[in-house]
Amino acid sequence: MANPTDFFHAFVAEMKSFSPRPEISLEEIPAPQRLAPFAYAVSADLADLSQPANGDDVEDIATGRFVLLHDPAGQETWEGNFRCVTFVRSALETEMEADPLLPDVGWSWFIDALNNSGADYVAPSGTVTRVMSASFGQLSTHDESSEIEVRASWTPTNPQQLLKHVTAWLELMASAAGLAPLPDGVSSLPLRR
């Protein structure tokens, strides 16, 4: 039987060549050092490719982080020796912010993304937060804005499927940003020509 730490190192190597859908850019970031003996982290920005851009800049409509923690000895609260920790923040239509079911919908995006990815998991936990901002004074020319934030963690039960958990996180980000999920084997084309 393979050592679980070998799966962690294989995951990190796979992430170096992983290609998400074209709207999403990934960047490796420093991982937290005190939560587990092994940790890997990546951030993502999801750009709105359908909107005309000023110059080469496109507007990011969602952002997030994914952290894979690994403790060979396991941790009781994790119910395993791996733990995925994610954060997704996305712009939201102001009308949606007032919907009392928004937190439930946000959590269902997370659970659906995990289930759609085909990744086995246990012990999911997290929060869904809605944020509404109004500007005043010199900033009063800015429109009101709303965002949804989903913070979640869960334990992968099959270390051979670690990349599927990244796919689930990216699907959660796309759902929060209002993009349709991509079926297996299908690549999206940028809407902007």
Protein backbone atom coordinates (compact mmCIF):
# COMPACT_ATOMS: atom_id res chain seq x y z
CA MET A 1 0.00 0.00 0.00
CA ALA A 2 1.32 3.46 -0.93
CA ASN A 3 2.34 5.95 1.73
CA PRO A 4 -0.28 8.78 1.97
CA THR A 5 2.53 11.35 1.85
CA ASP A 6 3.45 10.03 -1.63
CA PHE A 7 -0.08 10.98 -2.76
CA PHE A 8 0.45 14.50 -1.37
CA HIS A 9 3.68 14.94 -3.36
CA ALA A 10 2.06 13.48 -6.49
CA PHE A 11 -0.82 15.97 -6.08
CA VAL A 12 1.60 18.91 -5.86
CA ALA A 13 3.34 17.71 -9.04
CA GLU A 14 -0.01 17.35 -10.85
CA MET A 15 -1.04 20.87 -9.82
CA LYS A 16 2.01 22.32 -11.57
CA SER A 17 0.55 21.24 -14.94
CA PHE A 18 -3.17 21.47 -14.11
CA SER A 19 -5.22 23.57 -16.57
CA PRO A 20 -8.55 24.99 -15.41
CA ARG A 21 -11.24 26.43 -17.67
CA PRO A 22 -10.06 29.54 -19.59
CA GLU A 23 -11.88 32.03 -17.33
CA ILE A 24 -9.83 30.89 -14.32
CA SER A 25 -6.19 31.69 -13.59
CA LEU A 26 -4.36 29.80 -10.85
CA GLU A 27 -1.34 30.86 -8.84
CA GLU A 28 0.57 28.89 -6.21
CA ILE A 29 0.68 30.83 -2.93
CA PRO A 30 2.42 30.27 0.42
CA ALA A 31 0.62 27.58 2.40
CA PRO A 32 -0.13 27.85 6.12
CA GLN A 33 2.70 26.23 8.06
CA ARG A 34 1.21 25.50 11.48
CA LEU A 35 -1.90 23.52 10.59
CA ALA A 36 -0.24 20.33 9.36
CA PRO A 37 3.23 18.90 8.59
CA PHE A 38 2.48 19.18 4.84
CA ALA A 39 0.46 21.92 3.13
CA TYR A 40 -0.07 23.20 -0.40
CA ALA A 41 -2.05 26.30 -1.41
CA VAL A 42 -3.25 27.89 -4.62
CA SER A 43 -5.34 30.98 -5.35
CA ALA A 44 -7.68 31.49 -8.30
CA ASP A 45 -9.26 34.44 -10.05
CA LEU A 46 -12.23 34.01 -12.35
CA ALA A 47 -12.44 36.69 -15.06
CA ASP A 48 -15.51 37.83 -16.95
CA LEU A 49 -14.38 37.13 -20.51
CA SER A 50 -17.76 38.15 -21.93
CA GLN A 51 -17.34 41.83 -21.03
CA PRO A 52 -15.26 44.22 -23.13
CA ALA A 53 -12.01 44.93 -21.36
CA ASN A 54 -10.09 48.18 -21.02
CA GLY A 55 -6.77 47.39 -22.60
CA ASP A 56 -5.64 43.92 -21.59
CA ASP A 57 -7.31 43.95 -18.17
CA VAL A 58 -10.40 41.85 -17.58
CA GLU A 59 -12.61 42.16 -14.55
CA ASP A 60 -12.40 39.42 -11.94
CA ILE A 61 -15.87 38.37 -10.82
CA ALA A 62 -14.79 35.70 -8.34
CA THR A 63 -11.72 34.80 -6.36
CA GLY A 64 -10.74 32.00 -4.05
CA ARG A 65 -8.14 29.87 -2.31
CA PHE A 66 -7.63 26.12 -2.00
CA VAL A 67 -5.41 24.56 0.65
CA LEU A 68 -4.59 20.87 0.95
CA LEU A 69 -3.36 19.88 4.41
CA HIS A 70 -1.74 16.53 5.14
CA ASP A 71 -0.84 15.02 8.48
CA PRO A 72 0.52 11.45 8.12
CA ALA A 73 -0.61 10.71 11.69
CA GLY A 74 -4.09 12.02 10.94
CA GLN A 75 -6.12 14.44 13.00
CA GLU A 76 -9.22 13.35 14.89
CA THR A 77 -11.33 16.34 13.82
CA TRP A 78 -10.46 15.69 10.18
CA GLU A 79 -11.51 12.03 10.33
CA GLY A 80 -8.48 11.28 8.12
CA ASN A 81 -5.00 12.45 7.26
CA PHE A 82 -5.91 14.97 4.53
CA ARG A 83 -8.08 18.08 4.78
CA CYS A 84 -9.19 20.48 2.04
CA VAL A 85 -9.85 24.07 3.09
CA THR A 86 -11.39 26.51 0.61
CA PHE A 87 -12.64 30.03 0.27
CA VAL A 88 -14.67 31.48 -2.61
CA ARG A 89 -15.88 35.08 -2.95
CA SER A 90 -18.01 36.29 -5.84
CA ALA A 91 -19.90 39.37 -6.88
CA LEU A 92 -23.65 39.01 -6.52
CA GLU A 93 -26.64 40.81 -7.94
CA THR A 94 -27.97 43.13 -5.23
CA GLU A 95 -31.46 41.60 -5.52
CA MET A 96 -30.08 38.13 -4.73
CA GLU A 97 -28.40 39.36 -1.55
CA ALA A 98 -31.79 39.85 0.10
CA ASP A 99 -32.97 36.30 -0.66
CA PRO A 100 -33.32 34.49 2.69
CA LEU A 101 -32.40 31.19 0.99
CA LEU A 102 -29.06 32.50 -0.32
CA PRO A 103 -26.93 30.77 2.37
CA ASP A 104 -28.68 27.45 1.68
CA VAL A 105 -28.15 27.91 -2.05
CA GLY A 106 -24.47 28.74 -1.52
CA TRP A 107 -23.99 25.61 0.59
CA SER A 108 -25.80 23.50 -2.02
CA TRP A 109 -23.36 24.80 -4.67
CA PHE A 110 -20.53 23.47 -2.49
CA ILE A 111 -22.10 20.03 -1.88
CA ASP A 112 -23.17 19.71 -5.54
CA ALA A 113 -19.64 20.58 -6.69
CA LEU A 114 -18.16 17.87 -4.47
CA ASN A 115 -20.70 15.30 -5.65
CA ASN A 116 -20.33 16.29 -9.33
CA SER A 117 -16.54 15.94 -9.14
CA GLY A 118 -16.81 12.28 -8.16
CA ALA A 119 -14.47 12.83 -5.22
CA ASP A 120 -15.13 10.83 -2.06
CA TYR A 121 -15.26 12.90 1.14
CA VAL A 122 -16.44 13.04 4.76
CA ALA A 123 -16.85 15.69 7.45
CA PRO A 124 -17.83 18.73 5.37
CA SER A 125 -18.16 21.98 7.32
CA GLY A 126 -18.25 25.67 6.54
CA THR A 127 -20.06 28.97 6.36
CA VAL A 128 -21.84 31.00 3.70
CA THR A 129 -21.77 34.76 4.20
CA ARG A 130 -23.46 37.51 2.24
CA VAL A 131 -21.96 40.97 2.21
CA MET A 132 -23.69 44.13 1.02
CA SER A 133 -21.79 47.40 0.72
CA ALA A 134 -23.11 50.94 0.31
CA SER A 135 -20.75 53.86 -0.33
CA PHE A 136 -20.98 57.31 1.26
CA GLY A 137 -19.18 60.65 1.12
CA GLN A 138 -16.56 60.86 -1.61
CA LEU A 139 -17.28 57.24 -2.50
CA SER A 140 -21.01 57.87 -2.96
CA THR A 141 -20.63 57.68 -6.74
CA HIS A 142 -19.95 53.94 -6.37
CA ASP A 143 -22.93 51.65 -6.79
CA GLU A 144 -24.11 49.39 -4.01
CA SER A 145 -22.45 46.00 -4.26
CA SER A 146 -23.09 42.55 -2.89
CA GLU A 147 -20.89 39.49 -2.54
CA ILE A 148 -21.25 35.91 -1.41
CA GLU A 149 -18.45 34.15 0.47
CA VAL A 150 -18.29 30.39 0.91
CA ARG A 151 -15.72 29.01 3.35
CA ALA A 152 -15.61 25.24 3.56
CA SER A 153 -13.46 22.33 4.60
CA TRP A 154 -13.79 18.58 4.14
CA THR A 155 -11.76 15.39 4.30
CA PRO A 156 -10.90 13.48 1.11
CA THR A 157 -11.25 9.75 1.77
CA ASN A 158 -9.40 8.50 -1.32
CA PRO A 159 -5.92 10.05 -1.71
CA GLN A 160 -5.84 8.97 -5.37
CA GLN A 161 -8.63 11.51 -6.06
CA LEU A 162 -7.01 14.66 -4.65
CA LEU A 163 -7.16 16.53 -7.98
CA LYS A 164 -10.93 15.95 -8.12
CA HIS A 165 -11.24 18.06 -4.98
CA VAL A 166 -9.58 20.99 -6.79
CA THR A 167 -12.07 20.47 -9.62
CA ALA A 168 -14.91 20.65 -7.08
CA TRP A 169 -13.54 23.92 -5.66
CA LEU A 170 -13.30 25.44 -9.14
CA GLU A 171 -16.87 24.31 -9.92
CA LEU A 172 -18.01 26.00 -6.69
CA MET A 173 -16.29 29.19 -7.84
CA ALA A 174 -17.95 29.00 -11.27
CA SER A 175 -21.36 28.40 -9.67
CA ALA A 176 -20.94 31.37 -7.34
CA ALA A 177 -20.01 33.53 -10.35
CA GLY A 178 -23.04 32.32 -12.32
CA LEU A 179 -21.18 30.17 -14.87
CA ALA A 180 -22.60 26.83 -15.93
CA PRO A 181 -20.53 23.78 -14.97
CA LEU A 182 -18.62 22.10 -17.79
CA PRO A 183 -19.43 18.45 -18.54
CA ASP A 184 -16.50 16.00 -18.40
CA GLY A 185 -14.29 16.25 -21.47
CA VAL A 186 -15.75 19.58 -22.61
CA SER A 187 -13.70 22.78 -22.73
CA SER A 188 -15.29 26.20 -22.63
CA LEU A 189 -14.53 28.76 -25.29
CA PRO A 190 -14.04 32.39 -24.33
CA LEU A 191 -17.12 34.44 -25.19
CA ARG A 192 -15.07 37.50 -26.15
CA ARG A 193 -13.66 37.47 -29.66
